[in-house]
Amino acid sequence: MNWKAYDEVHFSDQYILRWVREGDEYVSRISKEMMEDLHTVVRQQQAEIEALNRFIAERGETGQLIIWKAQEK
């Protein structure tokens, strides 16, 4: 592996997390506000996944087919 002084992960244009190399480890430091925002985004995504799973469970294979067709587009 080519070790750099830091490495970044671009989650979006707004959220870019940087890991700084300290010895042989990368360490991430983010602000409290960014951590709260990140928690909010993850909770929203989890709620959307749970809603989709309920939709599929209620409709059985037909619901799965609808979602599969939507993903093809």
PDB file of N, CA and C in Angstrom:
ATOM      1  N   MET A   1       0.836  -1.181   0.000  1.00  0.00           N
ATOM      2  CA  MET A   1       0.000   0.000   0.000  1.00  0.00           C
ATOM      3  C   MET A   1       0.882   1.246   0.000  1.00  0.00           C
ATOM      4  N   ASN A   2       0.478   2.217  -0.778  1.00  0.00           N
ATOM      5  CA  ASN A   2       1.195   3.483  -0.835  1.00  0.00           C
ATOM      6  C   ASN A   2       0.645   4.405   0.259  1.00  0.00           C
ATOM      7  N   TRP A   3       1.412   4.586   1.322  1.00  0.00           N
ATOM      8  CA  TRP A   3       0.958   5.404   2.449  1.00  0.00           C
ATOM      9  C   TRP A   3       1.078   6.871   2.110  1.00  0.00           C
ATOM     10  N   LYS A   4       0.011   7.624   2.347  1.00  0.00           N
ATOM     11  CA  LYS A   4       0.007   9.063   2.117  1.00  0.00           C
ATOM     12  C   LYS A   4      -0.074   9.775   3.464  1.00  0.00           C
ATOM     13  N   ALA A   5       0.181  11.064   3.460  1.00  0.00           N
ATOM     14  CA  ALA A   5       0.067  11.853   4.693  1.00  0.00           C
ATOM     15  C   ALA A   5      -1.390  11.925   5.153  1.00  0.00           C
ATOM     16  N   TYR A   6      -2.316  11.875   4.191  1.00  0.00           N
ATOM     17  CA  TYR A   6      -3.743  11.842   4.514  1.00  0.00           C
ATOM     18  C   TYR A   6      -4.477  11.188   3.364  1.00  0.00           C
ATOM     19  N   ASP A   7      -5.711  10.776   3.635  1.00  0.00           N
ATOM     20  CA  ASP A   7      -6.557  10.217   2.598  1.00  0.00           C
ATOM     21  C   ASP A   7      -7.958  10.756   2.818  1.00  0.00           C
ATOM     22  N   GLU A   8      -8.700  10.958   1.739  1.00  0.00           N
ATOM     23  CA  GLU A   8     -10.042  11.524   1.844  1.00  0.00           C
ATOM     24  C   GLU A   8     -11.067  10.584   1.247  1.00  0.00           C
ATOM     25  N   VAL A   9     -12.271  10.644   1.810  1.00  0.00           N
ATOM     26  CA  VAL A   9     -13.416   9.933   1.257  1.00  0.00           C
ATOM     27  C   VAL A   9     -14.478  10.983   0.972  1.00  0.00           C
ATOM     28  N   HIS A  10     -14.900  11.064  -0.281  1.00  0.00           N
ATOM     29  CA  HIS A  10     -15.906  12.043  -0.696  1.00  0.00           C
ATOM     30  C   HIS A  10     -17.274  11.368  -0.711  1.00  0.00           C
ATOM     31  N   PHE A  11     -18.067  11.641   0.325  1.00  0.00           N
ATOM     32  CA  PHE A  11     -19.420  11.089   0.382  1.00  0.00           C
ATOM     33  C   PHE A  11     -20.366  11.884  -0.505  1.00  0.00           C
ATOM     34  N   SER A  12     -20.103  13.168  -0.628  1.00  0.00           N
ATOM     35  CA  SER A  12     -20.861  14.060  -1.497  1.00  0.00           C
ATOM     36  C   SER A  12     -20.040  15.337  -1.634  1.00  0.00           C
ATOM     37  N   ASP A  13     -20.587  16.312  -2.344  1.00  0.00           N
ATOM     38  CA  ASP A  13     -19.881  17.596  -2.448  1.00  0.00           C
ATOM     39  C   ASP A  13     -19.785  18.282  -1.095  1.00  0.00           C
ATOM     40  N   GLN A  14     -20.747  17.989  -0.222  1.00  0.00           N
ATOM     41  CA  GLN A  14     -20.796  18.639   1.086  1.00  0.00           C
ATOM     42  C   GLN A  14     -19.999  17.883   2.149  1.00  0.00           C
ATOM     43  N   TYR A  15     -19.965  16.560   2.050  1.00  0.00           N
ATOM     44  CA  TYR A  15     -19.325  15.756   3.094  1.00  0.00           C
ATOM     45  C   TYR A  15     -18.087  15.053   2.570  1.00  0.00           C
ATOM     46  N   ILE A  16     -16.954  15.580   2.967  1.00  0.00           N
ATOM     47  CA  ILE A  16     -15.664  14.999   2.627  1.00  0.00           C
ATOM     48  C   ILE A  16     -14.943  14.744   3.947  1.00  0.00           C
ATOM     49  N   LEU A  17     -14.667  13.490   4.226  1.00  0.00           N
ATOM     50  CA  LEU A  17     -13.966  13.164   5.462  1.00  0.00           C
ATOM     51  C   LEU A  17     -12.506  12.889   5.156  1.00  0.00           C
ATOM     52  N   ARG A  18     -11.640  13.426   5.975  1.00  0.00           N
ATOM     53  CA  ARG A  18     -10.205  13.266   5.775  1.00  0.00           C
ATOM     54  C   ARG A  18      -9.628  12.462   6.933  1.00  0.00           C
ATOM     55  N   TRP A  19      -8.855  11.449   6.580  1.00  0.00           N
ATOM     56  CA  TRP A  19      -8.124  10.661   7.564  1.00  0.00           C
ATOM     57  C   TRP A  19      -6.655  11.069   7.480  1.00  0.00           C
ATOM     58  N   VAL A  20      -6.098  11.463   8.613  1.00  0.00           N
ATOM     59  CA  VAL A  20      -4.713  11.914   8.680  1.00  0.00           C
ATOM     60  C   VAL A  20      -3.861  10.766   9.201  1.00  0.00           C
ATOM     61  N   ARG A  21      -2.704  10.577   8.591  1.00  0.00           N
ATOM     62  CA  ARG A  21      -1.816   9.497   9.004  1.00  0.00           C
ATOM     63  C   ARG A  21      -1.075   9.872  10.282  1.00  0.00           C
ATOM     64  N   GLU A  22      -1.200   9.001  11.257  1.00  0.00           N
ATOM     65  CA  GLU A  22      -0.438   9.135  12.498  1.00  0.00           C
ATOM     66  C   GLU A  22       0.298   7.814  12.707  1.00  0.00           C
ATOM     67  N   GLY A  23       1.568   7.814  12.379  1.00  0.00           N
ATOM     68  CA  GLY A  23       2.335   6.564  12.448  1.00  0.00           C
ATOM     69  C   GLY A  23       1.864   5.635  11.356  1.00  0.00           C
ATOM     70  N   ASP A  24       1.424   4.433  11.736  1.00  0.00           N
ATOM     71  CA  ASP A  24       0.942   3.470  10.737  1.00  0.00           C
ATOM     72  C   ASP A  24      -0.583   3.342  10.771  1.00  0.00           C
ATOM     73  N   GLU A  25      -1.271   4.377  11.265  1.00  0.00           N
ATOM     74  CA  GLU A  25      -2.728   4.388  11.286  1.00  0.00           C
ATOM     75  C   GLU A  25      -3.248   5.695  10.698  1.00  0.00           C
ATOM     76  N   TYR A  26      -4.461   5.638  10.172  1.00  0.00           N
ATOM     77  CA  TYR A  26      -5.150   6.841   9.742  1.00  0.00           C
ATOM     78  C   TYR A  26      -6.188   7.194  10.810  1.00  0.00           C
ATOM     79  N   VAL A  27      -6.254   8.462  11.163  1.00  0.00           N
ATOM     80  CA  VAL A  27      -7.154   8.933  12.198  1.00  0.00           C
ATOM     81  C   VAL A  27      -8.052  10.009  11.606  1.00  0.00           C
ATOM     82  N   SER A  28      -9.344   9.927  11.898  1.00  0.00           N
ATOM     83  CA  SER A  28     -10.292  10.925  11.399  1.00  0.00           C
ATOM     84  C   SER A  28     -10.742  11.816  12.542  1.00  0.00           C
ATOM     85  N   ARG A  29     -10.746  13.094  12.282  1.00  0.00           N
ATOM     86  CA  ARG A  29     -11.259  14.058  13.250  1.00  0.00           C
ATOM     87  C   ARG A  29     -12.323  14.889  12.555  1.00  0.00           C
ATOM     88  N   ILE A  30     -13.551  14.870  13.093  1.00  0.00           N
ATOM     89  CA  ILE A  30     -14.625  15.668  12.520  1.00  0.00           C
ATOM     90  C   ILE A  30     -15.269  16.482  13.639  1.00  0.00           C
ATOM     91  N   SER A  31     -15.927  17.544  13.238  1.00  0.00           N
ATOM     92  CA  SER A  31     -16.573  18.414  14.226  1.00  0.00           C
ATOM     93  C   SER A  31     -17.829  17.741  14.787  1.00  0.00           C
ATOM     94  N   LYS A  32     -18.270  18.241  15.935  1.00  0.00           N
ATOM     95  CA  LYS A  32     -19.490  17.730  16.549  1.00  0.00           C
ATOM     96  C   LYS A  32     -20.674  17.914  15.604  1.00  0.00           C
ATOM     97  N   GLU A  33     -20.742  19.057  14.938  1.00  0.00           N
ATOM     98  CA  GLU A  33     -21.840  19.332  14.014  1.00  0.00           C
ATOM     99  C   GLU A  33     -21.853  18.347  12.853  1.00  0.00           C
ATOM    100  N   MET A  34     -20.677  18.052  12.308  1.00  0.00           N
ATOM    101  CA  MET A  34     -20.612  17.099  11.203  1.00  0.00           C
ATOM    102  C   MET A  34     -21.021  15.700  11.670  1.00  0.00           C
ATOM    103  N   MET A  35     -20.615  15.313  12.871  1.00  0.00           N
ATOM    104  CA  MET A  35     -21.006  14.003  13.404  1.00  0.00           C
ATOM    105  C   MET A  35     -22.521  13.938  13.574  1.00  0.00           C
ATOM    106  N   GLU A  36     -23.131  15.002  14.068  1.00  0.00           N
ATOM    107  CA  GLU A  36     -24.590  15.037  14.219  1.00  0.00           C
ATOM    108  C   GLU A  36     -25.273  14.946  12.860  1.00  0.00           C
ATOM    109  N   ASP A  37     -24.754  15.669  11.869  1.00  0.00           N
ATOM    110  CA  ASP A  37     -25.304  15.592  10.513  1.00  0.00           C
ATOM    111  C   ASP A  37     -25.177  14.183   9.942  1.00  0.00           C
ATOM    112  N   LEU A  38     -24.033  13.574  10.173  1.00  0.00           N
ATOM    113  CA  LEU A  38     -23.800  12.214   9.679  1.00  0.00           C
ATOM    114  C   LEU A  38     -24.778  11.227  10.310  1.00  0.00           C
ATOM    115  N   HIS A  39     -25.008  11.356  11.605  1.00  0.00           N
ATOM    116  CA  HIS A  39     -25.993  10.506  12.282  1.00  0.00           C
ATOM    117  C   HIS A  39     -27.385  10.709  11.686  1.00  0.00           C
ATOM    118  N   THR A  40     -27.750  11.961  11.397  1.00  0.00           N
ATOM    119  CA  THR A  40     -29.056  12.256  10.816  1.00  0.00           C
ATOM    120  C   THR A  40     -29.216  11.594   9.453  1.00  0.00           C
ATOM    121  N   VAL A  41     -28.199  11.713   8.613  1.00  0.00           N
ATOM    122  CA  VAL A  41     -28.246  11.108   7.280  1.00  0.00           C
ATOM    123  C   VAL A  41     -28.382   9.595   7.383  1.00  0.00           C
ATOM    124  N   VAL A  42     -27.614   8.974   8.261  1.00  0.00           N
ATOM    125  CA  VAL A  42     -27.662   7.516   8.404  1.00  0.00           C
ATOM    126  C   VAL A  42     -29.028   7.075   8.915  1.00  0.00           C
ATOM    127  N   ARG A  43     -29.590   7.807   9.887  1.00  0.00           N
ATOM    128  CA  ARG A  43     -30.925   7.455  10.402  1.00  0.00           C
ATOM    129  C   ARG A  43     -31.975   7.565   9.301  1.00  0.00           C
ATOM    130  N   GLN A  44     -31.887   8.601   8.462  1.00  0.00           N
ATOM    131  CA  GLN A  44     -32.834   8.756   7.355  1.00  0.00           C
ATOM    132  C   GLN A  44     -32.723   7.599   6.371  1.00  0.00           C
ATOM    133  N   GLN A  45     -31.502   7.209   6.042  1.00  0.00           N
ATOM    134  CA  GLN A  45     -31.303   6.088   5.115  1.00  0.00           C
ATOM    135  C   GLN A  45     -31.834   4.799   5.713  1.00  0.00           C
ATOM    136  N   GLN A  46     -31.603   4.579   7.005  1.00  0.00           N
ATOM    137  CA  GLN A  46     -32.111   3.375   7.650  1.00  0.00           C
ATOM    138  C   GLN A  46     -33.635   3.348   7.641  1.00  0.00           C
ATOM    139  N   ALA A  47     -34.268   4.496   7.879  1.00  0.00           N
ATOM    140  CA  ALA A  47     -35.727   4.577   7.856  1.00  0.00           C
ATOM    141  C   ALA A  47     -36.260   4.267   6.455  1.00  0.00           C
ATOM    142  N   GLU A  48     -35.587   4.764   5.416  1.00  0.00           N
ATOM    143  CA  GLU A  48     -36.004   4.475   4.046  1.00  0.00           C
ATOM    144  C   GLU A  48     -35.875   2.996   3.729  1.00  0.00           C
ATOM    145  N   ILE A  49     -34.807   2.368   4.165  1.00  0.00           N
ATOM    146  CA  ILE A  49     -34.609   0.928   3.934  1.00  0.00           C
ATOM    147  C   ILE A  49     -35.675   0.128   4.658  1.00  0.00           C
ATOM    148  N   GLU A  50     -35.980   0.504   5.911  1.00  0.00           N
ATOM    149  CA  GLU A  50     -37.018  -0.201   6.666  1.00  0.00           C
ATOM    150  C   GLU A  50     -38.375  -0.056   5.995  1.00  0.00           C
ATOM    151  N   ALA A  51     -38.676   1.139   5.470  1.00  0.00           N
ATOM    152  CA  ALA A  51     -39.946   1.354   4.772  1.00  0.00           C
ATOM    153  C   ALA A  51     -40.023   0.493   3.510  1.00  0.00           C
ATOM    154  N   LEU A  52     -38.927   0.414   2.766  1.00  0.00           N
ATOM    155  CA  LEU A  52     -38.906  -0.444   1.574  1.00  0.00           C
ATOM    156  C   LEU A  52     -39.075  -1.911   1.945  1.00  0.00           C
ATOM    157  N   ASN A  53     -38.438  -2.340   3.029  1.00  0.00           N
ATOM    158  CA  ASN A  53     -38.579  -3.733   3.457  1.00  0.00           C
ATOM    159  C   ASN A  53     -40.013  -4.040   3.872  1.00  0.00           C
ATOM    160  N   ARG A  54     -40.678  -3.080   4.546  1.00  0.00           N
ATOM    161  CA  ARG A  54     -42.088  -3.285   4.908  1.00  0.00           C
ATOM    162  C   ARG A  54     -42.949  -3.371   3.653  1.00  0.00           C
ATOM    163  N   PHE A  55     -42.660  -2.503   2.687  1.00  0.00           N
ATOM    164  CA  PHE A  55     -43.398  -2.508   1.430  1.00  0.00           C
ATOM    165  C   PHE A  55     -43.272  -3.867   0.745  1.00  0.00           C
ATOM    166  N   ILE A  56     -42.057  -4.372   0.678  1.00  0.00           N
ATOM    167  CA  ILE A  56     -41.821  -5.674   0.040  1.00  0.00           C
ATOM    168  C   ILE A  56     -42.526  -6.779   0.813  1.00  0.00           C
ATOM    169  N   ALA A  57     -42.442  -6.754   2.139  1.00  0.00           N
ATOM    170  CA  ALA A  57     -43.069  -7.802   2.956  1.00  0.00           C
ATOM    171  C   ALA A  57     -44.581  -7.794   2.783  1.00  0.00           C
ATOM    172  N   GLU A  58     -45.182  -6.623   2.678  1.00  0.00           N
ATOM    173  CA  GLU A  58     -46.633  -6.514   2.525  1.00  0.00           C
ATOM    174  C   GLU A  58     -47.098  -7.003   1.158  1.00  0.00           C
ATOM    175  N   ARG A  59     -46.272  -6.845   0.143  1.00  0.00           N
ATOM    176  CA  ARG A  59     -46.682  -7.166  -1.215  1.00  0.00           C
ATOM    177  C   ARG A  59     -46.083  -8.464  -1.749  1.00  0.00           C
ATOM    178  N   GLY A  60     -45.198  -9.054  -1.000  1.00  0.00           N
ATOM    179  CA  GLY A  60     -44.609 -10.317  -1.407  1.00  0.00           C
ATOM    180  C   GLY A  60     -43.765 -10.172  -2.660  1.00  0.00           C
ATOM    181  N   GLU A  61     -43.773 -11.174  -3.498  1.00  0.00           N
ATOM    182  CA  GLU A  61     -42.932 -11.169  -4.692  1.00  0.00           C
ATOM    183  C   GLU A  61     -43.295 -10.056  -5.662  1.00  0.00           C
ATOM    184  N   THR A  62     -44.581  -9.653  -5.706  1.00  0.00           N
ATOM    185  CA  THR A  62     -45.000  -8.592  -6.609  1.00  0.00           C
ATOM    186  C   THR A  62     -44.270  -7.295  -6.274  1.00  0.00           C
ATOM    187  N   GLY A  63     -44.157  -6.988  -4.966  1.00  0.00           N
ATOM    188  CA  GLY A  63     -43.443  -5.790  -4.544  1.00  0.00           C
ATOM    189  C   GLY A  63     -41.981  -5.854  -4.921  1.00  0.00           C
ATOM    190  N   GLN A  64     -41.380  -7.008  -4.788  1.00  0.00           N
ATOM    191  CA  GLN A  64     -39.977  -7.170  -5.150  1.00  0.00           C
ATOM    192  C   GLN A  64     -39.786  -6.931  -6.640  1.00  0.00           C
ATOM    193  N   LEU A  65     -40.726  -7.394  -7.439  1.00  0.00           N
ATOM    194  CA  LEU A  65     -40.650  -7.209  -8.877  1.00  0.00           C
ATOM    195  C   LEU A  65     -40.735  -5.717  -9.233  1.00  0.00           C
ATOM    196  N   ILE A  66     -41.612  -4.983  -8.559  1.00  0.00           N
ATOM    197  CA  ILE A  66     -41.761  -3.554  -8.831  1.00  0.00           C
ATOM    198  C   ILE A  66     -40.467  -2.820  -8.542  1.00  0.00           C
ATOM    199  N   ILE A  67     -39.845  -3.100  -7.412  1.00  0.00           N
ATOM    200  CA  ILE A  67     -38.590  -2.447  -7.048  1.00  0.00           C
ATOM    201  C   ILE A  67     -37.488  -2.846  -8.017  1.00  0.00           C
ATOM    202  N   TRP A  68     -37.439  -4.117  -8.398  1.00  0.00           N
ATOM    203  CA  TRP A  68     -36.428  -4.585  -9.350  1.00  0.00           C
ATOM    204  C   TRP A  68     -36.571  -3.866 -10.677  1.00  0.00           C
ATOM    205  N   LYS A  69     -37.808  -3.687 -11.150  1.00  0.00           N
ATOM    206  CA  LYS A  69     -38.044  -2.992 -12.410  1.00  0.00           C
ATOM    207  C   LYS A  69     -37.623  -1.528 -12.310  1.00  0.00           C
ATOM    208  N   ALA A  70     -37.863  -0.896 -11.156  1.00  0.00           N
ATOM    209  CA  ALA A  70     -37.482   0.496 -10.965  1.00  0.00           C
ATOM    210  C   ALA A  70     -35.971   0.656 -10.995  1.00  0.00           C
ATOM    211  N   GLN A  71     -35.242  -0.331 -10.464  1.00  0.00           N
ATOM    212  CA  GLN A  71     -33.789  -0.259 -10.444  1.00  0.00           C
ATOM    213  C   GLN A  71     -33.184  -0.427 -11.823  1.00  0.00           C
ATOM    214  N   GLU A  72     -33.892  -1.070 -12.728  1.00  0.00           N
ATOM    215  CA  GLU A  72     -33.379  -1.270 -14.074  1.00  0.00           C
ATOM    216  C   GLU A  72     -33.260   0.040 -14.849  1.00  0.00           C
ATOM    217  N   LYS A  73     -34.094   1.027 -14.516  1.00  0.00           N
ATOM    218  CA  LYS A  73     -34.144   2.274 -15.287  1.00  0.00           C
ATOM    219  C   LYS A  73     -32.963   3.128 -15.083  1.00  0.00           C
TER     220      LYS A  73
END
